[in-house]
């Protein structure tokens, strides 16, 4: 859980839950990516889901808002980085690495982007081996903005 108190943003720890406790059967997978986030020589999967369903033509039937899930799967464990209802908007993610030459110290960052007509936010997550989970915090959160254009494509 991310805590925002006024303009102050606090990092929070997202701990693992059993993989079987996260139900994605009634959701639509929009994107996936594999990467060794915890440097254990096994690639974990990051996946983005929405509650909106595809029709027989493959088109997504969007409602005014839907539940979204951004999750990292690590064998029998899962890390639900983002699980929230987004009204009149979409969620996207990027993955980046810090570029350290020593691969054993390389840190991957997962950035969740929430784009709605009146808000744009970016939250970044990275795996913290000492804490045993992902540490996340909001790095950008627009205020009272009415976006009139975005080049971010729809799904």
N, C-alpha and C. Protein backbone atom coordinates (compact mmCIF):
# COMPACT_ATOMS: atom_id res chain seq x y z
N UNK A 1 0.84 -1.17 0.00
CA UNK A 1 0.00 0.00 0.00
C UNK A 1 0.89 1.23 0.00
N UNK A 2 0.53 2.21 -0.83
CA UNK A 2 1.25 3.47 -0.87
C UNK A 2 0.49 4.49 -0.05
N UNK A 3 1.20 5.22 0.75
CA UNK A 3 0.57 6.23 1.59
C UNK A 3 0.96 7.60 1.08
N UNK A 4 -0.03 8.44 0.82
CA UNK A 4 0.25 9.80 0.42
C UNK A 4 -0.39 10.73 1.43
N UNK A 5 0.44 11.48 2.11
CA UNK A 5 -0.02 12.41 3.14
C UNK A 5 0.30 13.82 2.67
N UNK A 6 -0.68 14.49 2.07
CA UNK A 6 -0.42 15.80 1.48
C UNK A 6 0.55 15.66 0.33
N UNK A 7 1.64 16.40 0.37
CA UNK A 7 2.66 16.30 -0.67
C UNK A 7 3.73 15.27 -0.32
N UNK A 8 3.69 14.74 0.88
CA UNK A 8 4.69 13.78 1.32
C UNK A 8 4.29 12.37 0.87
N UNK A 9 5.22 11.69 0.23
CA UNK A 9 4.95 10.33 -0.23
C UNK A 9 5.86 9.38 0.53
N UNK A 10 5.29 8.32 1.05
CA UNK A 10 6.06 7.33 1.79
C UNK A 10 6.15 6.04 0.99
N UNK A 11 7.35 5.47 0.98
CA UNK A 11 7.51 4.16 0.35
C UNK A 11 6.84 3.11 1.21
N UNK A 12 6.37 2.08 0.56
CA UNK A 12 5.76 0.99 1.30
C UNK A 12 6.27 -0.33 0.75
N UNK A 13 6.15 -1.36 1.55
CA UNK A 13 6.63 -2.69 1.20
C UNK A 13 5.46 -3.54 0.72
N UNK A 14 5.63 -4.17 -0.43
CA UNK A 14 4.63 -5.11 -0.95
C UNK A 14 5.22 -6.50 -0.80
N UNK A 15 4.65 -7.25 0.11
CA UNK A 15 5.15 -8.59 0.41
C UNK A 15 4.46 -9.63 -0.45
N UNK A 16 5.08 -10.78 -0.54
CA UNK A 16 4.55 -11.88 -1.35
C UNK A 16 3.29 -12.45 -0.73
N UNK A 17 2.40 -12.89 -1.60
CA UNK A 17 1.21 -13.65 -1.21
C UNK A 17 1.26 -14.95 -2.00
N UNK A 18 0.55 -15.98 -1.58
CA UNK A 18 0.52 -17.21 -2.37
C UNK A 18 -0.07 -16.94 -3.76
N UNK A 19 0.57 -17.48 -4.79
CA UNK A 19 0.11 -17.27 -6.17
C UNK A 19 -1.35 -17.63 -6.35
N UNK A 20 -1.78 -18.72 -5.72
CA UNK A 20 -3.16 -19.18 -5.91
C UNK A 20 -4.18 -18.23 -5.27
N UNK A 21 -3.73 -17.30 -4.45
CA UNK A 21 -4.66 -16.36 -3.82
C UNK A 21 -5.06 -15.21 -4.75
N UNK A 22 -4.39 -15.10 -5.89
CA UNK A 22 -4.72 -14.06 -6.86
C UNK A 22 -5.46 -14.69 -8.03
N UNK A 23 -6.72 -14.29 -8.20
CA UNK A 23 -7.57 -14.86 -9.24
C UNK A 23 -7.63 -13.93 -10.44
N UNK A 24 -7.10 -14.39 -11.57
CA UNK A 24 -7.13 -13.60 -12.80
C UNK A 24 -8.02 -14.23 -13.86
N UNK A 25 -8.75 -15.29 -13.50
CA UNK A 25 -9.57 -16.01 -14.49
C UNK A 25 -10.61 -15.12 -15.16
N UNK A 26 -11.18 -14.18 -14.42
CA UNK A 26 -12.22 -13.32 -14.99
C UNK A 26 -11.64 -12.00 -15.50
N UNK A 27 -10.32 -11.93 -15.67
CA UNK A 27 -9.68 -10.71 -16.12
C UNK A 27 -9.04 -10.92 -17.49
N UNK A 28 -8.71 -9.83 -18.15
CA UNK A 28 -8.05 -9.85 -19.45
C UNK A 28 -6.60 -9.45 -19.28
N UNK A 29 -5.69 -10.32 -19.73
CA UNK A 29 -4.26 -9.98 -19.67
C UNK A 29 -3.95 -9.05 -20.83
N UNK A 30 -3.40 -7.88 -20.51
CA UNK A 30 -3.09 -6.88 -21.53
C UNK A 30 -1.63 -6.87 -21.93
N UNK A 31 -0.74 -7.22 -21.01
CA UNK A 31 0.68 -7.17 -21.31
C UNK A 31 1.42 -8.07 -20.34
N UNK A 32 2.62 -8.50 -20.75
CA UNK A 32 3.46 -9.33 -19.89
C UNK A 32 4.91 -9.09 -20.26
N UNK A 33 5.79 -9.35 -19.29
CA UNK A 33 7.23 -9.20 -19.50
C UNK A 33 7.93 -10.09 -18.49
N UNK A 34 9.05 -10.69 -18.88
CA UNK A 34 9.82 -11.54 -17.97
C UNK A 34 11.18 -10.92 -17.71
N UNK A 35 11.61 -11.01 -16.45
CA UNK A 35 12.89 -10.44 -16.05
C UNK A 35 13.27 -11.04 -14.69
N UNK A 36 14.55 -11.17 -14.44
CA UNK A 36 15.03 -11.68 -13.15
C UNK A 36 15.14 -10.51 -12.17
N UNK A 37 14.03 -10.15 -11.55
CA UNK A 37 13.98 -8.99 -10.66
C UNK A 37 14.76 -9.19 -9.38
N UNK A 38 14.74 -10.40 -8.84
CA UNK A 38 15.38 -10.64 -7.55
C UNK A 38 16.77 -11.26 -7.67
N UNK A 39 17.29 -11.33 -8.89
CA UNK A 39 18.65 -11.82 -9.17
C UNK A 39 18.91 -13.21 -8.62
N UNK A 40 17.90 -14.10 -8.76
CA UNK A 40 18.06 -15.49 -8.32
C UNK A 40 18.30 -16.43 -9.50
N UNK A 41 18.63 -15.87 -10.65
CA UNK A 41 18.87 -16.61 -11.90
C UNK A 41 17.63 -17.28 -12.46
N UNK A 42 16.45 -16.88 -12.01
CA UNK A 42 15.18 -17.34 -12.56
C UNK A 42 14.35 -16.12 -12.92
N UNK A 43 13.84 -16.11 -14.14
CA UNK A 43 13.02 -14.98 -14.55
C UNK A 43 11.64 -15.04 -13.92
N UNK A 44 11.21 -13.91 -13.40
CA UNK A 44 9.86 -13.77 -12.88
C UNK A 44 9.02 -13.11 -13.98
N UNK A 45 7.70 -13.24 -13.87
CA UNK A 45 6.81 -12.65 -14.87
C UNK A 45 6.06 -11.48 -14.25
N UNK A 46 6.01 -10.40 -14.99
CA UNK A 46 5.16 -9.28 -14.59
C UNK A 46 4.03 -9.22 -15.60
N UNK A 47 2.81 -9.10 -15.09
CA UNK A 47 1.64 -9.11 -15.96
C UNK A 47 0.66 -8.02 -15.54
N UNK A 48 0.01 -7.45 -16.55
CA UNK A 48 -0.99 -6.41 -16.33
C UNK A 48 -2.35 -6.93 -16.80
N UNK A 49 -3.34 -6.83 -15.91
CA UNK A 49 -4.70 -7.31 -16.18
C UNK A 49 -5.71 -6.19 -15.98
N UNK A 50 -6.83 -6.33 -16.68
CA UNK A 50 -7.99 -5.47 -16.44
C UNK A 50 -9.22 -6.35 -16.33
N UNK A 51 -10.23 -5.86 -15.62
CA UNK A 51 -11.49 -6.60 -15.49
C UNK A 51 -12.33 -6.52 -16.76
N UNK A 52 -12.02 -5.58 -17.65
CA UNK A 52 -12.76 -5.49 -18.92
C UNK A 52 -12.45 -6.73 -19.76
N UNK A 53 -13.47 -7.25 -20.43
CA UNK A 53 -13.32 -8.50 -21.19
C UNK A 53 -13.27 -8.21 -22.69
N UNK A 54 -12.63 -9.13 -23.42
CA UNK A 54 -12.60 -9.06 -24.89
C UNK A 54 -13.81 -9.78 -25.46
N UNK A 55 -14.35 -9.24 -26.57
CA UNK A 55 -15.45 -9.93 -27.25
C UNK A 55 -14.87 -10.91 -28.27
N UNK A 56 -15.74 -11.54 -29.04
CA UNK A 56 -15.29 -12.56 -30.00
C UNK A 56 -14.41 -11.97 -31.10
N UNK A 57 -14.45 -10.67 -31.31
CA UNK A 57 -13.59 -10.01 -32.30
C UNK A 57 -12.26 -9.55 -31.69
N UNK A 58 -12.10 -9.78 -30.39
CA UNK A 58 -10.88 -9.38 -29.71
C UNK A 58 -10.89 -7.95 -29.18
N UNK A 59 -12.02 -7.27 -29.36
CA UNK A 59 -12.14 -5.89 -28.88
C UNK A 59 -12.49 -5.90 -27.39
N UNK A 60 -11.93 -4.96 -26.66
CA UNK A 60 -12.19 -4.88 -25.23
C UNK A 60 -13.45 -4.05 -24.99
N UNK A 61 -14.33 -4.58 -24.15
CA UNK A 61 -15.56 -3.87 -23.78
C UNK A 61 -15.33 -3.05 -22.53
N UNK A 62 -14.90 -1.81 -22.72
CA UNK A 62 -14.58 -0.94 -21.59
C UNK A 62 -15.84 -0.41 -20.93
N UNK A 63 -15.84 -0.33 -19.62
CA UNK A 63 -16.86 0.35 -18.84
C UNK A 63 -16.32 1.73 -18.48
N UNK A 64 -17.08 2.51 -17.73
CA UNK A 64 -16.58 3.81 -17.28
C UNK A 64 -15.37 3.67 -16.38
N UNK A 65 -15.24 2.52 -15.77
CA UNK A 65 -14.09 2.24 -14.92
C UNK A 65 -13.96 0.74 -14.76
N UNK A 66 -12.77 0.28 -14.45
CA UNK A 66 -12.55 -1.14 -14.21
C UNK A 66 -11.45 -1.35 -13.18
N UNK A 67 -11.44 -2.55 -12.63
CA UNK A 67 -10.37 -2.96 -11.74
C UNK A 67 -9.16 -3.33 -12.58
N UNK A 68 -7.99 -2.98 -12.07
CA UNK A 68 -6.72 -3.26 -12.73
C UNK A 68 -5.82 -4.00 -11.76
N UNK A 69 -4.95 -4.84 -12.31
CA UNK A 69 -4.00 -5.61 -11.50
C UNK A 69 -2.66 -5.65 -12.21
N UNK A 70 -1.62 -5.22 -11.51
CA UNK A 70 -0.24 -5.35 -11.97
C UNK A 70 0.45 -6.25 -10.97
N UNK A 71 0.91 -7.41 -11.43
CA UNK A 71 1.40 -8.44 -10.51
C UNK A 71 2.71 -9.04 -11.02
N UNK A 72 3.59 -9.37 -10.09
CA UNK A 72 4.82 -10.11 -10.39
C UNK A 72 4.64 -11.52 -9.88
N UNK A 73 4.77 -12.50 -10.78
CA UNK A 73 4.65 -13.91 -10.43
C UNK A 73 6.05 -14.48 -10.24
N UNK A 74 6.28 -15.11 -9.10
CA UNK A 74 7.58 -15.70 -8.78
C UNK A 74 7.33 -17.10 -8.22
N UNK A 75 7.08 -18.05 -9.13
CA UNK A 75 6.80 -19.42 -8.70
C UNK A 75 5.52 -19.49 -7.89
N UNK A 76 5.62 -19.96 -6.66
CA UNK A 76 4.46 -20.10 -5.78
C UNK A 76 4.08 -18.79 -5.09
N UNK A 77 4.86 -17.73 -5.36
CA UNK A 77 4.61 -16.43 -4.73
C UNK A 77 4.17 -15.43 -5.79
N UNK A 78 3.44 -14.42 -5.34
CA UNK A 78 3.05 -13.33 -6.22
C UNK A 78 3.14 -12.02 -5.44
N UNK A 79 3.46 -10.96 -6.15
CA UNK A 79 3.54 -9.63 -5.57
C UNK A 79 2.55 -8.73 -6.30
N UNK A 80 1.39 -8.45 -5.70
CA UNK A 80 0.42 -7.56 -6.34
C UNK A 80 0.84 -6.10 -6.16
N UNK A 81 1.53 -5.57 -7.16
CA UNK A 81 2.05 -4.21 -7.05
C UNK A 81 0.93 -3.17 -7.08
N UNK A 82 -0.04 -3.39 -7.96
CA UNK A 82 -1.15 -2.45 -8.09
C UNK A 82 -2.42 -3.26 -8.24
N UNK A 83 -3.39 -2.97 -7.44
CA UNK A 83 -4.71 -3.61 -7.53
C UNK A 83 -5.73 -2.56 -7.15
N UNK A 84 -6.29 -1.90 -8.17
CA UNK A 84 -7.21 -0.81 -7.87
C UNK A 84 -8.19 -0.56 -8.99
N UNK A 85 -9.26 0.11 -8.63
CA UNK A 85 -10.29 0.53 -9.58
C UNK A 85 -9.86 1.86 -10.18
N UNK A 86 -9.87 1.95 -11.51
CA UNK A 86 -9.50 3.18 -12.20
C UNK A 86 -10.71 3.66 -13.00
N UNK A 87 -11.17 4.85 -12.67
CA UNK A 87 -12.34 5.45 -13.33
C UNK A 87 -11.89 6.24 -14.55
N UNK A 88 -12.48 5.94 -15.71
CA UNK A 88 -12.22 6.69 -16.95
C UNK A 88 -10.74 6.82 -17.26
N UNK A 89 -10.01 5.72 -17.18
CA UNK A 89 -8.58 5.77 -17.45
C UNK A 89 -7.99 4.41 -17.70
N UNK A 90 -6.68 4.38 -17.80
CA UNK A 90 -5.95 3.16 -18.09
C UNK A 90 -4.68 3.07 -17.25
N UNK A 91 -4.14 1.88 -17.19
CA UNK A 91 -2.89 1.62 -16.48
C UNK A 91 -1.89 1.04 -17.48
N UNK A 92 -0.65 1.46 -17.37
CA UNK A 92 0.43 0.97 -18.22
C UNK A 92 1.61 0.67 -17.31
N UNK A 93 2.61 -0.07 -17.84
CA UNK A 93 3.82 -0.26 -17.05
C UNK A 93 5.04 -0.27 -17.94
N UNK A 94 6.17 0.13 -17.35
CA UNK A 94 7.46 0.05 -18.00
C UNK A 94 8.40 -0.70 -17.06
N UNK A 95 9.46 -1.24 -17.62
CA UNK A 95 10.50 -1.91 -16.83
C UNK A 95 11.83 -1.30 -17.24
N UNK A 96 12.64 -0.94 -16.27
CA UNK A 96 13.95 -0.37 -16.56
C UNK A 96 14.97 -0.97 -15.60
N UNK A 97 16.24 -0.85 -15.99
CA UNK A 97 17.34 -1.31 -15.14
C UNK A 97 18.25 -0.13 -14.87
N UNK A 98 18.96 -0.18 -13.75
CA UNK A 98 19.77 0.96 -13.34
C UNK A 98 21.09 1.07 -14.09
N UNK A 99 21.45 0.10 -14.93
CA UNK A 99 22.63 0.21 -15.77
C UNK A 99 23.96 -0.01 -15.08
N UNK A 100 23.96 -0.59 -13.91
CA UNK A 100 25.22 -0.89 -13.23
C UNK A 100 25.93 -2.02 -13.98
N UNK A 101 27.24 -1.88 -14.18
CA UNK A 101 27.98 -2.88 -14.93
C UNK A 101 28.02 -4.23 -14.22
N UNK A 102 28.03 -4.23 -12.90
CA UNK A 102 28.03 -5.47 -12.13
C UNK A 102 26.60 -5.99 -12.08
N UNK A 103 26.31 -7.01 -12.89
CA UNK A 103 24.93 -7.53 -13.00
C UNK A 103 24.39 -8.03 -11.67
N UNK A 104 25.27 -8.44 -10.75
CA UNK A 104 24.79 -8.94 -9.46
C UNK A 104 24.21 -7.82 -8.59
N UNK A 105 24.48 -6.57 -8.95
CA UNK A 105 23.97 -5.44 -8.18
C UNK A 105 22.90 -4.66 -8.95
N UNK A 106 22.57 -5.14 -10.13
CA UNK A 106 21.62 -4.43 -10.97
C UNK A 106 20.22 -4.46 -10.36
N UNK A 107 19.54 -3.35 -10.41
CA UNK A 107 18.19 -3.25 -9.85
C UNK A 107 17.22 -2.94 -10.98
N UNK A 108 16.16 -3.73 -11.06
CA UNK A 108 15.10 -3.46 -12.03
C UNK A 108 14.04 -2.60 -11.37
N UNK A 109 13.50 -1.69 -12.14
CA UNK A 109 12.42 -0.83 -11.68
C UNK A 109 11.19 -1.09 -12.53
N UNK A 110 10.06 -1.26 -11.88
CA UNK A 110 8.79 -1.40 -12.56
C UNK A 110 8.03 -0.11 -12.29
N UNK A 111 7.63 0.56 -13.35
CA UNK A 111 6.92 1.83 -13.23
C UNK A 111 5.48 1.65 -13.67
N UNK A 112 4.55 1.91 -12.77
CA UNK A 112 3.13 1.84 -13.09
C UNK A 112 2.65 3.25 -13.41
N UNK A 113 2.00 3.38 -14.56
CA UNK A 113 1.50 4.67 -15.02
C UNK A 113 -0.02 4.60 -15.03
N UNK A 114 -0.65 5.50 -14.30
CA UNK A 114 -2.12 5.58 -14.31
C UNK A 114 -2.48 6.89 -14.99
N UNK A 115 -3.23 6.77 -16.08
CA UNK A 115 -3.60 7.92 -16.88
C UNK A 115 -5.12 8.03 -16.95
N UNK A 116 -5.66 9.07 -16.33
CA UNK A 116 -7.09 9.35 -16.46
C UNK A 116 -7.23 10.80 -16.90
N UNK A 117 -8.42 11.22 -17.22
CA UNK A 117 -8.61 12.56 -17.75
C UNK A 117 -8.22 13.69 -16.82
N UNK A 118 -8.23 13.43 -15.52
CA UNK A 118 -7.92 14.49 -14.56
C UNK A 118 -6.71 14.19 -13.69
N UNK A 119 -6.00 13.13 -14.01
CA UNK A 119 -4.86 12.74 -13.17
C UNK A 119 -3.89 11.91 -13.99
N UNK A 120 -2.63 12.08 -13.66
CA UNK A 120 -1.58 11.27 -14.25
C UNK A 120 -0.60 10.98 -13.13
N UNK A 121 -0.32 9.70 -12.88
CA UNK A 121 0.62 9.37 -11.81
C UNK A 121 1.57 8.27 -12.24
N UNK A 122 2.76 8.31 -11.68
CA UNK A 122 3.77 7.28 -11.92
C UNK A 122 4.25 6.79 -10.56
N UNK A 123 4.17 5.49 -10.37
CA UNK A 123 4.67 4.85 -9.15
C UNK A 123 5.77 3.89 -9.55
N UNK A 124 6.88 3.93 -8.85
CA UNK A 124 7.99 3.04 -9.19
C UNK A 124 8.16 2.00 -8.10
N UNK A 125 8.47 0.77 -8.51
CA UNK A 125 8.67 -0.35 -7.60
C UNK A 125 10.01 -1.00 -7.91
N UNK A 126 10.72 -1.43 -6.88
CA UNK A 126 11.95 -2.21 -7.07
C UNK A 126 12.01 -3.28 -5.98
N UNK A 127 12.62 -4.41 -6.33
CA UNK A 127 12.69 -5.52 -5.38
C UNK A 127 13.79 -5.24 -4.37
N UNK A 128 13.48 -5.41 -3.09
CA UNK A 128 14.44 -5.24 -2.02
C UNK A 128 14.65 -6.59 -1.36
N UNK A 129 15.79 -7.20 -1.65
CA UNK A 129 16.06 -8.55 -1.15
C UNK A 129 16.10 -8.59 0.38
N UNK A 130 16.68 -7.56 1.01
CA UNK A 130 16.77 -7.52 2.47
C UNK A 130 15.39 -7.48 3.12
N UNK A 131 14.45 -6.78 2.50
CA UNK A 131 13.10 -6.66 3.05
C UNK A 131 12.18 -7.77 2.55
N UNK A 132 12.62 -8.51 1.54
CA UNK A 132 11.84 -9.63 1.04
C UNK A 132 10.59 -9.25 0.27
N UNK A 133 10.64 -8.12 -0.41
CA UNK A 133 9.48 -7.70 -1.19
C UNK A 133 9.81 -6.51 -2.07
N UNK A 134 8.79 -5.97 -2.70
CA UNK A 134 8.95 -4.80 -3.55
C UNK A 134 8.68 -3.55 -2.73
N UNK A 135 9.54 -2.57 -2.89
CA UNK A 135 9.36 -1.27 -2.27
C UNK A 135 8.84 -0.34 -3.36
N UNK A 136 7.76 0.38 -3.05
CA UNK A 136 7.16 1.25 -4.05
C UNK A 136 6.88 2.63 -3.52
N UNK A 137 6.88 3.58 -4.42
CA UNK A 137 6.55 4.95 -4.05
C UNK A 137 6.16 5.77 -5.25
N UNK A 138 5.28 6.73 -5.05
CA UNK A 138 4.84 7.61 -6.13
C UNK A 138 5.98 8.57 -6.45
N UNK A 139 6.36 8.63 -7.73
CA UNK A 139 7.41 9.56 -8.14
C UNK A 139 6.84 10.78 -8.85
N UNK A 140 5.60 10.67 -9.33
CA UNK A 140 4.92 11.83 -9.93
C UNK A 140 3.43 11.66 -9.75
N UNK A 141 2.77 12.73 -9.34
CA UNK A 141 1.33 12.72 -9.16
C UNK A 141 0.81 14.11 -9.52
N UNK A 142 0.15 14.23 -10.68
CA UNK A 142 -0.37 15.53 -11.09
C UNK A 142 -1.51 15.95 -10.18
N UNK A 143 -1.75 17.24 -10.13
CA UNK A 143 -2.82 17.76 -9.27
C UNK A 143 -3.76 18.62 -10.08
N UNK A 144 -5.05 18.38 -9.91
CA UNK A 144 -6.09 19.22 -10.52
C UNK A 144 -5.80 19.55 -11.98
N UNK A 145 -5.47 18.55 -12.74
CA UNK A 145 -5.15 18.74 -14.15
C UNK A 145 -6.28 18.18 -15.00
N UNK A 146 -6.63 18.88 -16.05
CA UNK A 146 -7.61 18.37 -17.00
C UNK A 146 -6.89 18.16 -18.32
N UNK A 147 -6.45 16.94 -18.57
CA UNK A 147 -5.71 16.65 -19.79
C UNK A 147 -6.63 16.77 -21.00
N UNK A 148 -6.20 17.51 -21.99
CA UNK A 148 -6.98 17.66 -23.22
C UNK A 148 -6.41 16.82 -24.35
N UNK A 149 -5.20 16.24 -24.15
CA UNK A 149 -4.62 15.35 -25.16
C UNK A 149 -3.57 14.45 -24.52
N UNK A 150 -3.48 13.24 -25.00
CA UNK A 150 -2.40 12.33 -24.65
C UNK A 150 -2.06 11.51 -25.89
N UNK A 151 -0.79 11.20 -26.07
CA UNK A 151 -0.40 10.33 -27.17
C UNK A 151 -0.24 8.89 -26.71
N UNK A 152 -0.56 8.62 -25.44
CA UNK A 152 -0.53 7.24 -24.95
C UNK A 152 -1.65 6.48 -25.64
N UNK A 153 -1.32 5.40 -26.34
CA UNK A 153 -2.35 4.69 -27.11
C UNK A 153 -3.28 3.88 -26.21
N UNK A 154 -4.49 3.65 -26.72
CA UNK A 154 -5.44 2.77 -26.05
C UNK A 154 -5.04 1.32 -26.27
N UNK A 155 -5.61 0.45 -25.46
CA UNK A 155 -5.40 -0.98 -25.64
C UNK A 155 -6.30 -1.48 -26.74
